[in-house]
Amino acid sequence: AKSNDQTLLKVFREKIAPAISKFEPEMIFLGAGFDLHWRDPLGTFNATISGITQLHQEAIDLAKKLCHGKIVVSLEGGYNSLATAHCATNTVKLLLGRKDFSDPLGKPKN
């Protein structure tokens, strides 16, 4: 709860990516849950659109490294329509190799 971009990226890099690498997958399935965003009414995280985009980039990079880029991305959650729209758009841009991302919502206003 209340984990921010830095915490989520650290967990991905130090725990999740090594576990996936050890497994040696033929394909990676990414459940894109945008309820990580700080404006999500159901989630309890403090991630930004930029942080989620970076997290997805790392998953895509891991797929390139481990399984020739084979990755399936599915929308799992996200209950703030504006945050979900921007997160999903950025994820599609990542998959297309684009870098023109947006994060109009910025950081939490704590």
PDB file of N, CA and C in Angstrom:
ATOM      1  N   ALA A   1       0.839  -1.190   0.000  1.00  0.00           N
ATOM      2  CA  ALA A   1       0.000   0.000   0.000  1.00  0.00           C
ATOM      3  C   ALA A   1       0.879   1.246   0.000  1.00  0.00           C
ATOM      4  N   LYS A   2       0.452   2.237  -0.747  1.00  0.00           N
ATOM      5  CA  LYS A   2       1.110   3.544  -0.852  1.00  0.00           C
ATOM      6  C   LYS A   2       2.478   3.489  -1.520  1.00  0.00           C
ATOM      7  N   SER A   3       2.819   2.376  -2.166  1.00  0.00           N
ATOM      8  CA  SER A   3       4.099   2.281  -2.866  1.00  0.00           C
ATOM      9  C   SER A   3       4.118   3.255  -4.035  1.00  0.00           C
ATOM     10  N   ASN A   4       5.274   3.903  -4.229  1.00  0.00           N
ATOM     11  CA  ASN A   4       5.420   4.868  -5.310  1.00  0.00           C
ATOM     12  C   ASN A   4       6.214   4.267  -6.466  1.00  0.00           C
ATOM     13  N   ASP A   5       6.496   5.085  -7.474  1.00  0.00           N
ATOM     14  CA  ASP A   5       7.213   4.619  -8.660  1.00  0.00           C
ATOM     15  C   ASP A   5       8.540   3.952  -8.296  1.00  0.00           C
ATOM     16  N   GLN A   6       9.320   4.617  -7.446  1.00  0.00           N
ATOM     17  CA  GLN A   6      10.641   4.107  -7.094  1.00  0.00           C
ATOM     18  C   GLN A   6      10.561   2.748  -6.401  1.00  0.00           C
ATOM     19  N   THR A   7       9.624   2.589  -5.505  1.00  0.00           N
ATOM     20  CA  THR A   7       9.467   1.317  -4.789  1.00  0.00           C
ATOM     21  C   THR A   7       9.039   0.212  -5.743  1.00  0.00           C
ATOM     22  N   LEU A   8       8.074   0.504  -6.604  1.00  0.00           N
ATOM     23  CA  LEU A   8       7.592  -0.506  -7.546  1.00  0.00           C
ATOM     24  C   LEU A   8       8.683  -0.927  -8.525  1.00  0.00           C
ATOM     25  N   LEU A   9       9.459   0.039  -9.026  1.00  0.00           N
ATOM     26  CA  LEU A   9      10.559  -0.281  -9.937  1.00  0.00           C
ATOM     27  C   LEU A   9      11.646  -1.089  -9.234  1.00  0.00           C
ATOM     28  N   LYS A  10      11.933  -0.742  -7.984  1.00  0.00           N
ATOM     29  CA  LYS A  10      12.937  -1.481  -7.214  1.00  0.00           C
ATOM     30  C   LYS A  10      12.513  -2.936  -7.032  1.00  0.00           C
ATOM     31  N   VAL A  11      11.269  -3.166  -6.677  1.00  0.00           N
ATOM     32  CA  VAL A  11      10.766  -4.532  -6.503  1.00  0.00           C
ATOM     33  C   VAL A  11      10.827  -5.287  -7.827  1.00  0.00           C
ATOM     34  N   PHE A  12      10.449  -4.621  -8.919  1.00  0.00           N
ATOM     35  CA  PHE A  12      10.516  -5.282 -10.220  1.00  0.00           C
ATOM     36  C   PHE A  12      11.953  -5.674 -10.545  1.00  0.00           C
ATOM     37  N   ARG A  13      12.875  -4.740 -10.384  1.00  0.00           N
ATOM     38  CA  ARG A  13      14.279  -4.992 -10.742  1.00  0.00           C
ATOM     39  C   ARG A  13      14.955  -6.016  -9.844  1.00  0.00           C
ATOM     40  N   GLU A  14      14.667  -5.960  -8.546  1.00  0.00           N
ATOM     41  CA  GLU A  14      15.388  -6.804  -7.594  1.00  0.00           C
ATOM     42  C   GLU A  14      14.733  -8.157  -7.327  1.00  0.00           C
ATOM     43  N   LYS A  15      13.437  -8.252  -7.515  1.00  0.00           N
ATOM     44  CA  LYS A  15      12.728  -9.492  -7.187  1.00  0.00           C
ATOM     45  C   LYS A  15      12.069 -10.151  -8.399  1.00  0.00           C
ATOM     46  N   ILE A  16      11.250  -9.376  -9.096  1.00  0.00           N
ATOM     47  CA  ILE A  16      10.436  -9.952 -10.169  1.00  0.00           C
ATOM     48  C   ILE A  16      11.275 -10.314 -11.396  1.00  0.00           C
ATOM     49  N   ALA A  17      12.076  -9.376 -11.896  1.00  0.00           N
ATOM     50  CA  ALA A  17      12.882  -9.649 -13.091  1.00  0.00           C
ATOM     51  C   ALA A  17      13.839 -10.824 -12.890  1.00  0.00           C
ATOM     52  N   PRO A  18      14.550 -10.904 -11.753  1.00  0.00           N
ATOM     53  CA  PRO A  18      15.414 -12.075 -11.555  1.00  0.00           C
ATOM     54  C   PRO A  18      14.637 -13.392 -11.515  1.00  0.00           C
ATOM     55  N   ALA A  19      13.454 -13.379 -10.912  1.00  0.00           N
ATOM     56  CA  ALA A  19      12.640 -14.598 -10.861  1.00  0.00           C
ATOM     57  C   ALA A  19      12.189 -15.004 -12.257  1.00  0.00           C
ATOM     58  N   ILE A  20      11.775 -14.023 -13.056  1.00  0.00           N
ATOM     59  CA  ILE A  20      11.366 -14.319 -14.433  1.00  0.00           C
ATOM     60  C   ILE A  20      12.553 -14.842 -15.226  1.00  0.00           C
ATOM     61  N   SER A  21      13.705 -14.205 -15.064  1.00  0.00           N
ATOM     62  CA  SER A  21      14.908 -14.627 -15.785  1.00  0.00           C
ATOM     63  C   SER A  21      15.296 -16.059 -15.439  1.00  0.00           C
ATOM     64  N   LYS A  22      15.193 -16.400 -14.185  1.00  0.00           N
ATOM     65  CA  LYS A  22      15.525 -17.749 -13.738  1.00  0.00           C
ATOM     66  C   LYS A  22      14.581 -18.780 -14.354  1.00  0.00           C
ATOM     67  N   PHE A  23      13.341 -18.391 -14.555  1.00  0.00           N
ATOM     68  CA  PHE A  23      12.332 -19.280 -15.124  1.00  0.00           C
ATOM     69  C   PHE A  23      12.577 -19.545 -16.609  1.00  0.00           C
ATOM     70  N   GLU A  24      13.274 -18.617 -17.293  1.00  0.00           N
ATOM     71  CA  GLU A  24      13.566 -18.721 -18.729  1.00  0.00           C
ATOM     72  C   GLU A  24      12.293 -18.881 -19.573  1.00  0.00           C
ATOM     73  N   PRO A  25      11.416 -17.890 -19.561  1.00  0.00           N
ATOM     74  CA  PRO A  25      10.142 -18.012 -20.287  1.00  0.00           C
ATOM     75  C   PRO A  25      10.319 -17.954 -21.805  1.00  0.00           C
ATOM     76  N   GLU A  26       9.361 -18.537 -22.485  1.00  0.00           N
ATOM     77  CA  GLU A  26       9.302 -18.432 -23.944  1.00  0.00           C
ATOM     78  C   GLU A  26       8.467 -17.224 -24.354  1.00  0.00           C
ATOM     79  N   MET A  27       7.666 -16.717 -23.421  1.00  0.00           N
ATOM     80  CA  MET A  27       6.830 -15.553 -23.664  1.00  0.00           C
ATOM     81  C   MET A  27       6.481 -14.957 -22.301  1.00  0.00           C
ATOM     82  N   ILE A  28       6.300 -13.650 -22.270  1.00  0.00           N
ATOM     83  CA  ILE A  28       5.903 -12.972 -21.036  1.00  0.00           C
ATOM     84  C   ILE A  28       4.479 -12.455 -21.211  1.00  0.00           C
ATOM     85  N   PHE A  29       3.659 -12.683 -20.211  1.00  0.00           N
ATOM     86  CA  PHE A  29       2.297 -12.160 -20.172  1.00  0.00           C
ATOM     87  C   PHE A  29       2.265 -11.059 -19.117  1.00  0.00           C
ATOM     88  N   LEU A  30       1.934  -9.860 -19.533  1.00  0.00           N
ATOM     89  CA  LEU A  30       1.903  -8.707 -18.642  1.00  0.00           C
ATOM     90  C   LEU A  30       0.461  -8.319 -18.374  1.00  0.00           C
ATOM     91  N   GLY A  31       0.024  -8.488 -17.141  1.00  0.00           N
ATOM     92  CA  GLY A  31      -1.295  -8.024 -16.728  1.00  0.00           C
ATOM     93  C   GLY A  31      -1.186  -6.552 -16.379  1.00  0.00           C
ATOM     94  N   ALA A  32      -1.641  -5.700 -17.280  1.00  0.00           N
ATOM     95  CA  ALA A  32      -1.489  -4.258 -17.114  1.00  0.00           C
ATOM     96  C   ALA A  32      -2.601  -3.729 -16.218  1.00  0.00           C
ATOM     97  N   GLY A  33      -2.324  -3.700 -14.943  1.00  0.00           N
ATOM     98  CA  GLY A  33      -3.284  -3.189 -13.978  1.00  0.00           C
ATOM     99  C   GLY A  33      -2.998  -1.739 -13.663  1.00  0.00           C
ATOM    100  N   PHE A  34      -3.786  -0.842 -14.201  1.00  0.00           N
ATOM    101  CA  PHE A  34      -3.542   0.575 -14.006  1.00  0.00           C
ATOM    102  C   PHE A  34      -4.153   1.095 -12.702  1.00  0.00           C
ATOM    103  N   ASP A  35      -4.626   0.193 -11.881  1.00  0.00           N
ATOM    104  CA  ASP A  35      -5.091   0.585 -10.552  1.00  0.00           C
ATOM    105  C   ASP A  35      -3.907   0.906  -9.636  1.00  0.00           C
ATOM    106  N   LEU A  36      -2.691   0.810 -10.160  1.00  0.00           N
ATOM    107  CA  LEU A  36      -1.499   1.275  -9.443  1.00  0.00           C
ATOM    108  C   LEU A  36      -1.458   2.797  -9.376  1.00  0.00           C
ATOM    109  N   HIS A  37      -2.190   3.452 -10.288  1.00  0.00           N
ATOM    110  CA  HIS A  37      -2.118   4.913 -10.362  1.00  0.00           C
ATOM    111  C   HIS A  37      -2.693   5.562  -9.104  1.00  0.00           C
ATOM    112  N   TRP A  38      -2.094   6.657  -8.700  1.00  0.00           N
ATOM    113  CA  TRP A  38      -2.480   7.330  -7.449  1.00  0.00           C
ATOM    114  C   TRP A  38      -3.909   7.867  -7.461  1.00  0.00           C
ATOM    115  N   ARG A  39      -4.487   8.121  -8.627  1.00  0.00           N
ATOM    116  CA  ARG A  39      -5.874   8.623  -8.674  1.00  0.00           C
ATOM    117  C   ARG A  39      -6.911   7.508  -8.740  1.00  0.00           C
ATOM    118  N   ASP A  40      -6.474   6.273  -8.772  1.00  0.00           N
ATOM    119  CA  ASP A  40      -7.420   5.162  -8.842  1.00  0.00           C
ATOM    120  C   ASP A  40      -8.197   5.076  -7.521  1.00  0.00           C
ATOM    121  N   PRO A  41      -9.518   5.012  -7.586  1.00  0.00           N
ATOM    122  CA  PRO A  41     -10.312   4.996  -6.354  1.00  0.00           C
ATOM    123  C   PRO A  41     -10.260   3.668  -5.588  1.00  0.00           C
ATOM    124  N   LEU A  42      -9.836   2.589  -6.234  1.00  0.00           N
ATOM    125  CA  LEU A  42      -9.793   1.286  -5.574  1.00  0.00           C
ATOM    126  C   LEU A  42      -8.383   0.861  -5.161  1.00  0.00           C
ATOM    127  N   GLY A  43      -7.394   1.295  -5.929  1.00  0.00           N
ATOM    128  CA  GLY A  43      -6.012   0.927  -5.627  1.00  0.00           C
ATOM    129  C   GLY A  43      -5.489   1.706  -4.430  1.00  0.00           C
ATOM    130  N   THR A  44      -4.427   1.205  -3.864  1.00  0.00           N
ATOM    131  CA  THR A  44      -3.841   1.873  -2.694  1.00  0.00           C
ATOM    132  C   THR A  44      -2.389   2.269  -2.964  1.00  0.00           C
ATOM    133  N   PHE A  45      -2.049   2.457  -4.247  1.00  0.00           N
ATOM    134  CA  PHE A  45      -0.679   2.779  -4.623  1.00  0.00           C
ATOM    135  C   PHE A  45      -0.544   4.252  -4.975  1.00  0.00           C
ATOM    136  N   ASN A  46       0.697   4.693  -5.113  1.00  0.00           N
ATOM    137  CA  ASN A  46       0.980   6.078  -5.479  1.00  0.00           C
ATOM    138  C   ASN A  46       1.815   6.173  -6.743  1.00  0.00           C
ATOM    139  N   ALA A  47       1.595   5.286  -7.689  1.00  0.00           N
ATOM    140  CA  ALA A  47       2.344   5.315  -8.939  1.00  0.00           C
ATOM    141  C   ALA A  47       1.802   6.415  -9.854  1.00  0.00           C
ATOM    142  N   THR A  48       2.698   6.930 -10.690  1.00  0.00           N
ATOM    143  CA  THR A  48       2.315   7.923 -11.688  1.00  0.00           C
ATOM    144  C   THR A  48       2.202   7.234 -13.051  1.00  0.00           C
ATOM    145  N   ILE A  49       1.648   7.947 -14.012  1.00  0.00           N
ATOM    146  CA  ILE A  49       1.591   7.431 -15.376  1.00  0.00           C
ATOM    147  C   ILE A  49       3.013   7.195 -15.882  1.00  0.00           C
ATOM    148  N   SER A  50       3.911   8.126 -15.595  1.00  0.00           N
ATOM    149  CA  SER A  50       5.312   7.976 -16.019  1.00  0.00           C
ATOM    150  C   SER A  50       5.955   6.748 -15.396  1.00  0.00           C
ATOM    151  N   GLY A  51       5.697   6.511 -14.111  1.00  0.00           N
ATOM    152  CA  GLY A  51       6.264   5.349 -13.433  1.00  0.00           C
ATOM    153  C   GLY A  51       5.727   4.039 -13.986  1.00  0.00           C
ATOM    154  N   ILE A  52       4.439   3.990 -14.254  1.00  0.00           N
ATOM    155  CA  ILE A  52       3.827   2.783 -14.827  1.00  0.00           C
ATOM    156  C   ILE A  52       4.388   2.539 -16.229  1.00  0.00           C
ATOM    157  N   THR A  53       4.563   3.613 -16.990  1.00  0.00           N
ATOM    158  CA  THR A  53       5.146   3.494 -18.326  1.00  0.00           C
ATOM    159  C   THR A  53       6.561   2.924 -18.231  1.00  0.00           C
ATOM    160  N   GLN A  54       7.343   3.420 -17.291  1.00  0.00           N
ATOM    161  CA  GLN A  54       8.706   2.918 -17.107  1.00  0.00           C
ATOM    162  C   GLN A  54       8.702   1.445 -16.690  1.00  0.00           C
ATOM    163  N   LEU A  55       7.792   1.078 -15.819  1.00  0.00           N
ATOM    164  CA  LEU A  55       7.658  -0.314 -15.394  1.00  0.00           C
ATOM    165  C   LEU A  55       7.323  -1.215 -16.583  1.00  0.00           C
ATOM    166  N   HIS A  56       6.430  -0.768 -17.421  1.00  0.00           N
ATOM    167  CA  HIS A  56       6.071  -1.547 -18.615  1.00  0.00           C
ATOM    168  C   HIS A  56       7.237  -1.616 -19.601  1.00  0.00           C
ATOM    169  N   GLN A  57       8.014  -0.529 -19.700  1.00  0.00           N
ATOM    170  CA  GLN A  57       9.190  -0.554 -20.565  1.00  0.00           C
ATOM    171  C   GLN A  57      10.176  -1.619 -20.088  1.00  0.00           C
ATOM    172  N   GLU A  58      10.343  -1.716 -18.795  1.00  0.00           N
ATOM    173  CA  GLU A  58      11.262  -2.725 -18.254  1.00  0.00           C
ATOM    174  C   GLU A  58      10.760  -4.139 -18.536  1.00  0.00           C
ATOM    175  N   ALA A  59       9.456  -4.347 -18.470  1.00  0.00           N
ATOM    176  CA  ALA A  59       8.896  -5.662 -18.800  1.00  0.00           C
ATOM    177  C   ALA A  59       9.101  -5.984 -20.277  1.00  0.00           C
ATOM    178  N   ILE A  60       8.908  -4.999 -21.130  1.00  0.00           N
ATOM    179  CA  ILE A  60       9.118  -5.188 -22.570  1.00  0.00           C
ATOM    180  C   ILE A  60      10.590  -5.465 -22.855  1.00  0.00           C
ATOM    181  N   ASP A  61      11.484  -4.725 -22.205  1.00  0.00           N
ATOM    182  CA  ASP A  61      12.925  -4.961 -22.367  1.00  0.00           C
ATOM    183  C   ASP A  61      13.310  -6.363 -21.907  1.00  0.00           C
ATOM    184  N   LEU A  62      12.699  -6.813 -20.832  1.00  0.00           N
ATOM    185  CA  LEU A  62      12.969  -8.157 -20.327  1.00  0.00           C
ATOM    186  C   LEU A  62      12.503  -9.206 -21.340  1.00  0.00           C
ATOM    187  N   ALA A  63      11.369  -8.971 -21.949  1.00  0.00           N
ATOM    188  CA  ALA A  63      10.876  -9.885 -22.994  1.00  0.00           C
ATOM    189  C   ALA A  63      11.840  -9.921 -24.184  1.00  0.00           C
ATOM    190  N   LYS A  64      12.374  -8.774 -24.556  1.00  0.00           N
ATOM    191  CA  LYS A  64      13.349  -8.719 -25.651  1.00  0.00           C
ATOM    192  C   LYS A  64      14.593  -9.530 -25.304  1.00  0.00           C
ATOM    193  N   LYS A  65      15.018  -9.415 -24.060  1.00  0.00           N
ATOM    194  CA  LYS A  65      16.236 -10.092 -23.602  1.00  0.00           C
ATOM    195  C   LYS A  65      16.036 -11.604 -23.479  1.00  0.00           C
ATOM    196  N   LEU A  66      14.897 -12.018 -22.961  1.00  0.00           N
ATOM    197  CA  LEU A  66      14.690 -13.423 -22.614  1.00  0.00           C
ATOM    198  C   LEU A  66      13.968 -14.251 -23.664  1.00  0.00           C
ATOM    199  N   CYS A  67      13.070 -13.630 -24.412  1.00  0.00           N
ATOM    200  CA  CYS A  67      12.215 -14.439 -25.294  1.00  0.00           C
ATOM    201  C   CYS A  67      11.930 -13.754 -26.626  1.00  0.00           C
ATOM    202  N   HIS A  68      12.951 -13.134 -27.182  1.00  0.00           N
ATOM    203  CA  HIS A  68      12.854 -12.534 -28.516  1.00  0.00           C
ATOM    204  C   HIS A  68      11.710 -11.527 -28.625  1.00  0.00           C
ATOM    205  N   GLY A  69      11.413 -10.841 -27.526  1.00  0.00           N
ATOM    206  CA  GLY A  69      10.392  -9.802 -27.543  1.00  0.00           C
ATOM    207  C   GLY A  69       8.961 -10.282 -27.476  1.00  0.00           C
ATOM    208  N   LYS A  70       8.773 -11.567 -27.245  1.00  0.00           N
ATOM    209  CA  LYS A  70       7.400 -12.099 -27.190  1.00  0.00           C
ATOM    210  C   LYS A  70       6.750 -11.681 -25.878  1.00  0.00           C
ATOM    211  N   ILE A  71       5.743 -10.842 -26.012  1.00  0.00           N
ATOM    212  CA  ILE A  71       5.029 -10.351 -24.830  1.00  0.00           C
ATOM    213  C   ILE A  71       3.558 -10.139 -25.193  1.00  0.00           C
ATOM    214  N   VAL A  72       2.690 -10.501 -24.280  1.00  0.00           N
ATOM    215  CA  VAL A  72       1.255 -10.263 -24.414  1.00  0.00           C
ATOM    216  C   VAL A  72       0.871  -9.324 -23.281  1.00  0.00           C
ATOM    217  N   VAL A  73       0.183  -8.246 -23.612  1.00  0.00           N
ATOM    218  CA  VAL A  73      -0.250  -7.275 -22.611  1.00  0.00           C
ATOM    219  C   VAL A  73      -1.769  -7.276 -22.579  1.00  0.00           C
ATOM    220  N   SER A  74      -2.321  -7.455 -21.381  1.00  0.00           N
ATOM    221  CA  SER A  74      -3.780  -7.418 -21.250  1.00  0.00           C
ATOM    222  C   SER A  74      -4.176  -6.429 -20.158  1.00  0.00           C
ATOM    223  N   LEU A  75      -5.243  -5.714 -20.413  1.00  0.00           N
ATOM    224  CA  LEU A  75      -5.753  -4.759 -19.437  1.00  0.00           C
ATOM    225  C   LEU A  75      -6.459  -5.526 -18.329  1.00  0.00           C
ATOM    226  N   GLU A  76      -6.060  -5.266 -17.100  1.00  0.00           N
ATOM    227  CA  GLU A  76      -6.655  -5.971 -15.958  1.00  0.00           C
ATOM    228  C   GLU A  76      -7.447  -5.064 -15.046  1.00  0.00           C
ATOM    229  N   GLY A  77      -7.055  -3.838 -14.921  1.00  0.00           N
ATOM    230  CA  GLY A  77      -7.741  -2.972 -13.980  1.00  0.00           C
ATOM    231  C   GLY A  77      -7.338  -1.535 -14.194  1.00  0.00           C
ATOM    232  N   GLY A  78      -8.008  -0.671 -13.511  1.00  0.00           N
ATOM    233  CA  GLY A  78      -7.792   0.759 -13.621  1.00  0.00           C
ATOM    234  C   GLY A  78      -9.154   1.418 -13.620  1.00  0.00           C
ATOM    235  N   TYR A  79      -9.449   2.145 -12.565  1.00  0.00           N
ATOM    236  CA  TYR A  79     -10.809   2.627 -12.365  1.00  0.00           C
ATOM    237  C   TYR A  79     -10.904   4.147 -12.322  1.00  0.00           C
ATOM    238  N   ASN A  80      -9.859   4.805 -12.787  1.00  0.00           N
ATOM    239  CA  ASN A  80      -9.913   6.231 -13.056  1.00  0.00           C
ATOM    240  C   ASN A  80      -9.733   6.346 -14.563  1.00  0.00           C
ATOM    241  N   SER A  81     -10.770   6.746 -15.257  1.00  0.00           N
ATOM    242  CA  SER A  81     -10.760   6.670 -16.722  1.00  0.00           C
ATOM    243  C   SER A  81      -9.648   7.506 -17.351  1.00  0.00           C
ATOM    244  N   LEU A  82      -9.335   8.658 -16.808  1.00  0.00           N
ATOM    245  CA  LEU A  82      -8.287   9.498 -17.383  1.00  0.00           C
ATOM    246  C   LEU A  82      -6.911   8.855 -17.196  1.00  0.00           C
ATOM    247  N   ALA A  83      -6.618   8.390 -15.996  1.00  0.00           N
ATOM    248  CA  ALA A  83      -5.327   7.736 -15.742  1.00  0.00           C
ATOM    249  C   ALA A  83      -5.196   6.464 -16.579  1.00  0.00           C
ATOM    250  N   THR A  84      -6.249   5.669 -16.631  1.00  0.00           N
ATOM    251  CA  THR A  84      -6.215   4.424 -17.408  1.00  0.00           C
ATOM    252  C   THR A  84      -6.003   4.720 -18.890  1.00  0.00           C
ATOM    253  N   ALA A  85      -6.664   5.738 -19.410  1.00  0.00           N
ATOM    254  CA  ALA A  85      -6.518   6.089 -20.824  1.00  0.00           C
ATOM    255  C   ALA A  85      -5.077   6.459 -21.151  1.00  0.00           C
ATOM    256  N   HIS A  86      -4.462   7.283 -20.324  1.00  0.00           N
ATOM    257  CA  HIS A  86      -3.074   7.694 -20.580  1.00  0.00           C
ATOM    258  C   HIS A  86      -2.097   6.535 -20.385  1.00  0.00           C
ATOM    259  N   CYS A  87      -2.323   5.732 -19.362  1.00  0.00           N
ATOM    260  CA  CYS A  87      -1.453   4.565 -19.147  1.00  0.00           C
ATOM    261  C   CYS A  87      -1.544   3.596 -20.325  1.00  0.00           C
ATOM    262  N   ALA A  88      -2.749   3.307 -20.755  1.00  0.00           N
ATOM    263  CA  ALA A  88      -2.938   2.364 -21.869  1.00  0.00           C
ATOM    264  C   ALA A  88      -2.334   2.918 -23.157  1.00  0.00           C
ATOM    265  N   THR A  89      -2.535   4.205 -23.412  1.00  0.00           N
ATOM    266  CA  THR A  89      -1.959   4.823 -24.604  1.00  0.00           C
ATOM    267  C   THR A  89      -0.437   4.738 -24.576  1.00  0.00           C
ATOM    268  N   ASN A  90       0.159   5.044 -23.420  1.00  0.00           N
ATOM    269  CA  ASN A  90       1.615   4.967 -23.306  1.00  0.00           C
ATOM    270  C   ASN A  90       2.114   3.537 -23.506  1.00  0.00           C
ATOM    271  N   THR A  91       1.388   2.557 -22.991  1.00  0.00           N
ATOM    272  CA  THR A  91       1.798   1.161 -23.148  1.00  0.00           C
ATOM    273  C   THR A  91       1.761   0.745 -24.612  1.00  0.00           C
ATOM    274  N   VAL A  92       0.724   1.151 -25.324  1.00  0.00           N
ATOM    275  CA  VAL A  92       0.655   0.842 -26.763  1.00  0.00           C
ATOM    276  C   VAL A  92       1.812   1.529 -27.493  1.00  0.00           C
ATOM    277  N   LYS A  93       2.104   2.770 -27.135  1.00  0.00           N
ATOM    278  CA  LYS A  93       3.235   3.473 -27.748  1.00  0.00           C
ATOM    279  C   LYS A  93       4.543   2.723 -27.491  1.00  0.00           C
ATOM    280  N   LEU A  94       4.731   2.212 -26.280  1.00  0.00           N
ATOM    281  CA  LEU A  94       5.926   1.415 -25.974  1.00  0.00           C
ATOM    282  C   LEU A  94       6.030   0.219 -26.912  1.00  0.00           C
ATOM    283  N   LEU A  95       4.916  -0.479 -27.072  1.00  0.00           N
ATOM    284  CA  LEU A  95       4.900  -1.672 -27.922  1.00  0.00           C
ATOM    285  C   LEU A  95       5.210  -1.331 -29.380  1.00  0.00           C
ATOM    286  N   LEU A  96       4.896  -0.106 -29.781  1.00  0.00           N
ATOM    287  CA  LEU A  96       5.168   0.343 -31.145  1.00  0.00           C
ATOM    288  C   LEU A  96       6.558   0.961 -31.288  1.00  0.00           C
ATOM    289  N   GLY A  97       7.286   1.047 -30.166  1.00  0.00           N
ATOM    290  CA  GLY A  97       8.633   1.627 -30.200  1.00  0.00           C
ATOM    291  C   GLY A  97       8.663   3.140 -30.152  1.00  0.00           C
ATOM    292  N   ARG A  98       7.539   3.737 -29.821  1.00  0.00           N
ATOM    293  CA  ARG A  98       7.471   5.201 -29.744  1.00  0.00           C
ATOM    294  C   ARG A  98       7.879   5.686 -28.366  1.00  0.00           C
ATOM    295  N   LYS A  99       8.263   6.950 -28.292  1.00  0.00           N
ATOM    296  CA  LYS A  99       8.707   7.540 -27.028  1.00  0.00           C
ATOM    297  C   LYS A  99       7.961   8.833 -26.682  1.00  0.00           C
ATOM    298  N   ASP A 100       6.885   9.120 -27.379  1.00  0.00           N
ATOM    299  CA  ASP A 100       6.140  10.359 -27.141  1.00  0.00           C
ATOM    300  C   ASP A 100       5.034  10.126 -26.111  1.00  0.00           C
ATOM    301  N   PHE A 101       5.452  10.021 -24.852  1.00  0.00           N
ATOM    302  CA  PHE A 101       4.530   9.710 -23.760  1.00  0.00           C
ATOM    303  C   PHE A 101       3.968  10.974 -23.132  1.00  0.00           C
ATOM    304  N   SER A 102       2.865  10.794 -22.414  1.00  0.00           N
ATOM    305  CA  SER A 102       2.290  11.922 -21.674  1.00  0.00           C
ATOM    306  C   SER A 102       1.925  11.487 -20.275  1.00  0.00           C
ATOM    307  N   ASP A 103       2.024  12.438 -19.366  1.00  0.00           N
ATOM    308  CA  ASP A 103       1.603  12.218 -17.979  1.00  0.00           C
ATOM    309  C   ASP A 103       0.992  13.534 -17.474  1.00  0.00           C
ATOM    310  N   PRO A 104      -0.222  13.850 -17.915  1.00  0.00           N
ATOM    311  CA  PRO A 104      -0.827  15.121 -17.514  1.00  0.00           C
ATOM    312  C   PRO A 104      -1.251  15.176 -16.048  1.00  0.00           C
ATOM    313  N   LEU A 105      -1.273  14.044 -15.370  1.00  0.00           N
ATOM    314  CA  LEU A 105      -1.734  14.026 -13.977  1.00  0.00           C
ATOM    315  C   LEU A 105      -0.596  14.188 -12.976  1.00  0.00           C
ATOM    316  N   GLY A 106       0.632  13.933 -13.408  1.00  0.00           N
ATOM    317  CA  GLY A 106       1.783  14.142 -12.536  1.00  0.00           C
ATOM    318  C   GLY A 106       1.790  13.293 -11.288  1.00  0.00           C
ATOM    319  N   LYS A 107       2.382  13.863 -10.232  1.00  0.00           N
ATOM    320  CA  LYS A 107       2.559  13.164  -8.958  1.00  0.00           C
ATOM    321  C   LYS A 107       1.373  13.393  -8.022  1.00  0.00           C
ATOM    322  N   PRO A 108       1.221  12.513  -7.014  1.00  0.00           N
ATOM    323  CA  PRO A 108       0.147  12.693  -6.029  1.00  0.00           C
ATOM    324  C   PRO A 108       0.243  14.038  -5.329  1.00  0.00           C
ATOM    325  N   LYS A 109      -0.895  14.584  -5.021  1.00  0.00           N
ATOM    326  CA  LYS A 109      -0.955  15.881  -4.338  1.00  0.00           C
ATOM    327  C   LYS A 109      -1.095  15.660  -2.826  1.00  0.00           C
ATOM    328  N   ASN A 110      -0.097  15.030  -2.220  1.00  0.00           N
ATOM    329  CA  ASN A 110      -0.183  14.735  -0.776  1.00  0.00           C
ATOM    330  C   ASN A 110       0.126  15.934   0.042  1.00  0.00           C
TER     331      ASN A 110
END
